[in-house]
Amino acid sequence: MSSIPFMWVAWGLVFLMFIGFRVYVARMSRNEDDQLVLQDSSAHLRQEQEVIIDRLQKTKPVGRAILALFGVMTLYVAGYYVMDMVRQFK
């Protein structure tokens, strides 16, 4: 039995994990505002924004790891087919 279906299933799972993570981060950051809060009366708004930014900063290493895994899997799939073409033309 060929390993090609397993390769594609693994790539698909990593792809779904990547998309799911991106949706999670987008949902978490939907209330983030890119504004500068200068007044003390808006301290609660500043505090809310800092909490959101802290949570987003914690997700960056996980996002990089998933992106790296997705890149490696994509290179593996592409490399497999390139090597298959090379073998066919020998």
N, C-alpha and C. Protein backbone atom coordinates (compact mmCIF):
# COMPACT_ATOMS: atom_id res chain seq x y z
N MET A 1 0.84 -1.18 0.00
CA MET A 1 0.00 0.00 0.00
C MET A 1 0.89 1.25 0.00
N SER A 2 0.48 2.21 -0.74
CA SER A 2 1.25 3.43 -0.92
C SER A 2 1.11 4.35 0.31
N SER A 3 2.13 5.17 0.51
CA SER A 3 2.10 6.11 1.64
C SER A 3 1.54 7.47 1.23
N ILE A 4 1.15 7.62 -0.01
CA ILE A 4 0.66 8.91 -0.50
C ILE A 4 -0.62 9.35 0.23
N PRO A 5 -1.61 8.47 0.44
CA PRO A 5 -2.80 8.93 1.18
C PRO A 5 -2.47 9.39 2.60
N PHE A 6 -1.54 8.69 3.26
CA PHE A 6 -1.16 9.10 4.62
C PHE A 6 -0.47 10.46 4.60
N MET A 7 0.34 10.69 3.58
CA MET A 7 1.03 11.97 3.44
C MET A 7 0.01 13.10 3.28
N TRP A 8 -0.98 12.89 2.43
CA TRP A 8 -1.99 13.91 2.20
C TRP A 8 -2.88 14.11 3.42
N VAL A 9 -3.18 13.04 4.14
CA VAL A 9 -3.98 13.18 5.37
C VAL A 9 -3.21 13.99 6.40
N ALA A 10 -1.92 13.70 6.56
CA ALA A 10 -1.10 14.46 7.51
C ALA A 10 -1.03 15.92 7.10
N TRP A 11 -0.84 16.18 5.81
CA TRP A 11 -0.79 17.56 5.34
C TRP A 11 -2.13 18.25 5.58
N GLY A 12 -3.22 17.55 5.32
CA GLY A 12 -4.56 18.12 5.53
C GLY A 12 -4.82 18.44 7.00
N LEU A 13 -4.37 17.57 7.90
CA LEU A 13 -4.56 17.82 9.32
C LEU A 13 -3.76 19.04 9.78
N VAL A 14 -2.54 19.15 9.29
CA VAL A 14 -1.72 20.32 9.64
C VAL A 14 -2.35 21.58 9.05
N PHE A 15 -2.89 21.50 7.85
CA PHE A 15 -3.55 22.64 7.23
C PHE A 15 -4.78 23.06 8.04
N LEU A 16 -5.58 22.10 8.47
CA LEU A 16 -6.76 22.42 9.28
C LEU A 16 -6.36 23.01 10.63
N MET A 17 -5.28 22.51 11.20
CA MET A 17 -4.78 23.05 12.46
C MET A 17 -4.33 24.50 12.25
N PHE A 18 -3.67 24.79 11.13
CA PHE A 18 -3.23 26.15 10.82
C PHE A 18 -4.42 27.08 10.65
N ILE A 19 -5.42 26.65 9.89
CA ILE A 19 -6.61 27.47 9.66
C ILE A 19 -7.37 27.68 10.98
N GLY A 20 -7.52 26.62 11.76
CA GLY A 20 -8.21 26.75 13.04
C GLY A 20 -7.51 27.71 13.98
N PHE A 21 -6.19 27.65 14.00
CA PHE A 21 -5.44 28.58 14.86
C PHE A 21 -5.61 30.01 14.38
N ARG A 22 -5.57 30.23 13.08
CA ARG A 22 -5.75 31.59 12.55
C ARG A 22 -7.14 32.13 12.88
N VAL A 23 -8.17 31.29 12.82
CA VAL A 23 -9.53 31.71 13.18
C VAL A 23 -9.59 32.05 14.67
N TYR A 24 -8.95 31.22 15.50
CA TYR A 24 -8.92 31.47 16.94
C TYR A 24 -8.27 32.82 17.25
N VAL A 25 -7.15 33.10 16.63
CA VAL A 25 -6.45 34.38 16.87
C VAL A 25 -7.29 35.54 16.35
N ALA A 26 -7.95 35.37 15.22
CA ALA A 26 -8.79 36.44 14.67
C ALA A 26 -9.97 36.73 15.60
N ARG A 27 -10.57 35.68 16.14
CA ARG A 27 -11.69 35.88 17.06
C ARG A 27 -11.23 36.55 18.36
N MET A 28 -10.05 36.19 18.81
CA MET A 28 -9.54 36.76 20.05
C MET A 28 -9.17 38.23 19.85
N SER A 29 -8.71 38.60 18.68
CA SER A 29 -8.25 39.97 18.46
C SER A 29 -9.32 40.87 17.86
N ARG A 30 -10.53 40.41 17.73
CA ARG A 30 -11.57 41.24 17.09
C ARG A 30 -11.90 42.48 17.91
N ASN A 31 -11.65 42.47 19.22
CA ASN A 31 -11.95 43.63 20.05
C ASN A 31 -10.73 44.52 20.28
N GLU A 32 -9.63 44.20 19.62
CA GLU A 32 -8.42 45.01 19.79
C GLU A 32 -8.56 46.29 18.98
N ASP A 33 -8.23 47.38 19.62
CA ASP A 33 -8.27 48.69 18.95
C ASP A 33 -6.85 49.19 18.82
N ASP A 34 -6.54 49.75 17.67
CA ASP A 34 -5.22 50.35 17.45
C ASP A 34 -5.32 51.84 17.73
N GLN A 35 -5.42 52.18 19.01
CA GLN A 35 -5.49 53.58 19.37
C GLN A 35 -4.70 53.82 20.64
N LEU A 36 -4.30 55.02 20.81
CA LEU A 36 -3.51 55.42 21.98
C LEU A 36 -4.46 56.03 23.00
N VAL A 37 -4.44 55.53 24.23
CA VAL A 37 -5.31 56.04 25.29
C VAL A 37 -4.48 56.93 26.19
N LEU A 38 -4.81 58.21 26.21
CA LEU A 38 -4.03 59.18 26.98
C LEU A 38 -4.71 59.63 28.27
N GLN A 39 -6.01 59.61 28.31
CA GLN A 39 -6.73 60.12 29.47
C GLN A 39 -6.84 59.05 30.55
N ASP A 40 -6.79 59.49 31.81
CA ASP A 40 -6.96 58.57 32.93
C ASP A 40 -8.39 58.06 33.03
N SER A 41 -9.33 58.81 32.48
CA SER A 41 -10.73 58.37 32.54
C SER A 41 -10.96 57.13 31.68
N SER A 42 -10.06 56.87 30.77
CA SER A 42 -10.18 55.69 29.89
C SER A 42 -9.22 54.59 30.31
N ALA A 43 -8.90 54.55 31.59
CA ALA A 43 -7.94 53.56 32.08
C ALA A 43 -8.48 52.15 31.91
N HIS A 44 -9.79 51.97 32.06
CA HIS A 44 -10.35 50.63 31.88
C HIS A 44 -10.21 50.15 30.44
N LEU A 45 -10.34 51.07 29.48
CA LEU A 45 -10.16 50.71 28.07
C LEU A 45 -8.71 50.31 27.81
N ARG A 46 -7.79 51.07 28.38
CA ARG A 46 -6.37 50.75 28.22
C ARG A 46 -6.06 49.38 28.83
N GLN A 47 -6.63 49.11 30.00
CA GLN A 47 -6.40 47.83 30.67
C GLN A 47 -6.97 46.66 29.85
N GLU A 48 -8.15 46.85 29.28
CA GLU A 48 -8.74 45.81 28.43
C GLU A 48 -7.86 45.54 27.21
N GLN A 49 -7.36 46.60 26.61
CA GLN A 49 -6.51 46.44 25.43
C GLN A 49 -5.19 45.75 25.79
N GLU A 50 -4.63 46.06 26.95
CA GLU A 50 -3.40 45.41 27.37
C GLU A 50 -3.60 43.92 27.61
N VAL A 51 -4.75 43.56 28.15
CA VAL A 51 -5.06 42.13 28.37
C VAL A 51 -5.16 41.42 27.03
N ILE A 52 -5.83 42.03 26.06
CA ILE A 52 -5.96 41.43 24.74
C ILE A 52 -4.58 41.28 24.09
N ILE A 53 -3.77 42.30 24.18
CA ILE A 53 -2.43 42.25 23.58
C ILE A 53 -1.57 41.19 24.25
N ASP A 54 -1.67 41.06 25.57
CA ASP A 54 -0.91 40.02 26.27
C ASP A 54 -1.33 38.63 25.82
N ARG A 55 -2.63 38.41 25.67
CA ARG A 55 -3.11 37.10 25.20
C ARG A 55 -2.64 36.83 23.78
N LEU A 56 -2.63 37.84 22.94
CA LEU A 56 -2.16 37.65 21.57
C LEU A 56 -0.66 37.37 21.52
N GLN A 57 0.11 38.02 22.40
CA GLN A 57 1.55 37.78 22.44
C GLN A 57 1.87 36.35 22.84
N LYS A 58 1.03 35.77 23.71
CA LYS A 58 1.25 34.39 24.14
C LYS A 58 1.00 33.39 23.03
N THR A 59 0.21 33.76 22.03
CA THR A 59 -0.09 32.83 20.94
C THR A 59 0.97 32.85 19.84
N LYS A 60 1.84 33.84 19.83
CA LYS A 60 2.83 33.96 18.74
C LYS A 60 3.75 32.76 18.61
N PRO A 61 4.33 32.21 19.69
CA PRO A 61 5.20 31.04 19.52
C PRO A 61 4.45 29.82 18.96
N VAL A 62 3.21 29.64 19.39
CA VAL A 62 2.42 28.52 18.87
C VAL A 62 2.14 28.73 17.39
N GLY A 63 1.82 29.96 17.01
CA GLY A 63 1.56 30.26 15.61
C GLY A 63 2.78 30.04 14.74
N ARG A 64 3.94 30.42 15.24
CA ARG A 64 5.18 30.19 14.48
C ARG A 64 5.46 28.70 14.32
N ALA A 65 5.21 27.93 15.38
CA ALA A 65 5.45 26.49 15.32
C ALA A 65 4.51 25.82 14.32
N ILE A 66 3.25 26.20 14.34
CA ILE A 66 2.28 25.62 13.40
C ILE A 66 2.63 26.03 11.98
N LEU A 67 3.02 27.28 11.77
CA LEU A 67 3.41 27.73 10.44
C LEU A 67 4.64 26.99 9.94
N ALA A 68 5.61 26.77 10.83
CA ALA A 68 6.82 26.03 10.45
C ALA A 68 6.47 24.59 10.08
N LEU A 69 5.62 23.95 10.87
CA LEU A 69 5.20 22.59 10.58
C LEU A 69 4.46 22.52 9.25
N PHE A 70 3.60 23.50 8.99
CA PHE A 70 2.87 23.56 7.73
C PHE A 70 3.84 23.74 6.55
N GLY A 71 4.84 24.57 6.73
CA GLY A 71 5.84 24.78 5.68
C GLY A 71 6.64 23.52 5.41
N VAL A 72 7.05 22.83 6.47
CA VAL A 72 7.82 21.59 6.31
C VAL A 72 6.98 20.54 5.60
N MET A 73 5.72 20.42 6.01
CA MET A 73 4.85 19.42 5.37
C MET A 73 4.62 19.76 3.89
N THR A 74 4.45 21.03 3.58
CA THR A 74 4.26 21.44 2.19
C THR A 74 5.51 21.15 1.37
N LEU A 75 6.68 21.44 1.92
CA LEU A 75 7.93 21.13 1.22
C LEU A 75 8.09 19.63 1.03
N TYR A 76 7.68 18.84 2.01
CA TYR A 76 7.77 17.39 1.90
C TYR A 76 6.88 16.88 0.77
N VAL A 77 5.65 17.38 0.70
CA VAL A 77 4.73 16.95 -0.36
C VAL A 77 5.27 17.37 -1.72
N ALA A 78 5.72 18.61 -1.84
CA ALA A 78 6.27 19.08 -3.11
C ALA A 78 7.53 18.30 -3.48
N GLY A 79 8.39 18.06 -2.50
CA GLY A 79 9.60 17.27 -2.75
C GLY A 79 9.30 15.86 -3.18
N TYR A 80 8.28 15.26 -2.61
CA TYR A 80 7.89 13.91 -3.01
C TYR A 80 7.53 13.86 -4.49
N TYR A 81 6.73 14.82 -4.93
CA TYR A 81 6.31 14.82 -6.33
C TYR A 81 7.44 15.21 -7.27
N VAL A 82 8.34 16.07 -6.85
CA VAL A 82 9.50 16.40 -7.67
C VAL A 82 10.38 15.16 -7.84
N MET A 83 10.63 14.45 -6.75
CA MET A 83 11.43 13.23 -6.82
C MET A 83 10.73 12.16 -7.67
N ASP A 84 9.41 12.11 -7.61
CA ASP A 84 8.66 11.16 -8.43
C ASP A 84 8.83 11.50 -9.92
N MET A 85 8.81 12.79 -10.26
CA MET A 85 9.04 13.18 -11.66
C MET A 85 10.45 12.83 -12.11
N VAL A 86 11.43 13.07 -11.24
CA VAL A 86 12.82 12.76 -11.58
C VAL A 86 12.96 11.25 -11.81
N ARG A 87 12.35 10.43 -10.96
CA ARG A 87 12.43 8.98 -11.13
C ARG A 87 11.76 8.52 -12.41
N GLN A 88 10.69 9.18 -12.82
CA GLN A 88 9.99 8.77 -14.04
C GLN A 88 10.80 9.09 -15.29
N PHE A 89 11.60 10.14 -15.26
CA PHE A 89 12.37 10.53 -16.45
C PHE A 89 13.74 9.84 -16.53
N LYS A 90 14.10 9.02 -15.56
CA LYS A 90 15.38 8.32 -15.63
C LYS A 90 15.30 7.14 -16.54
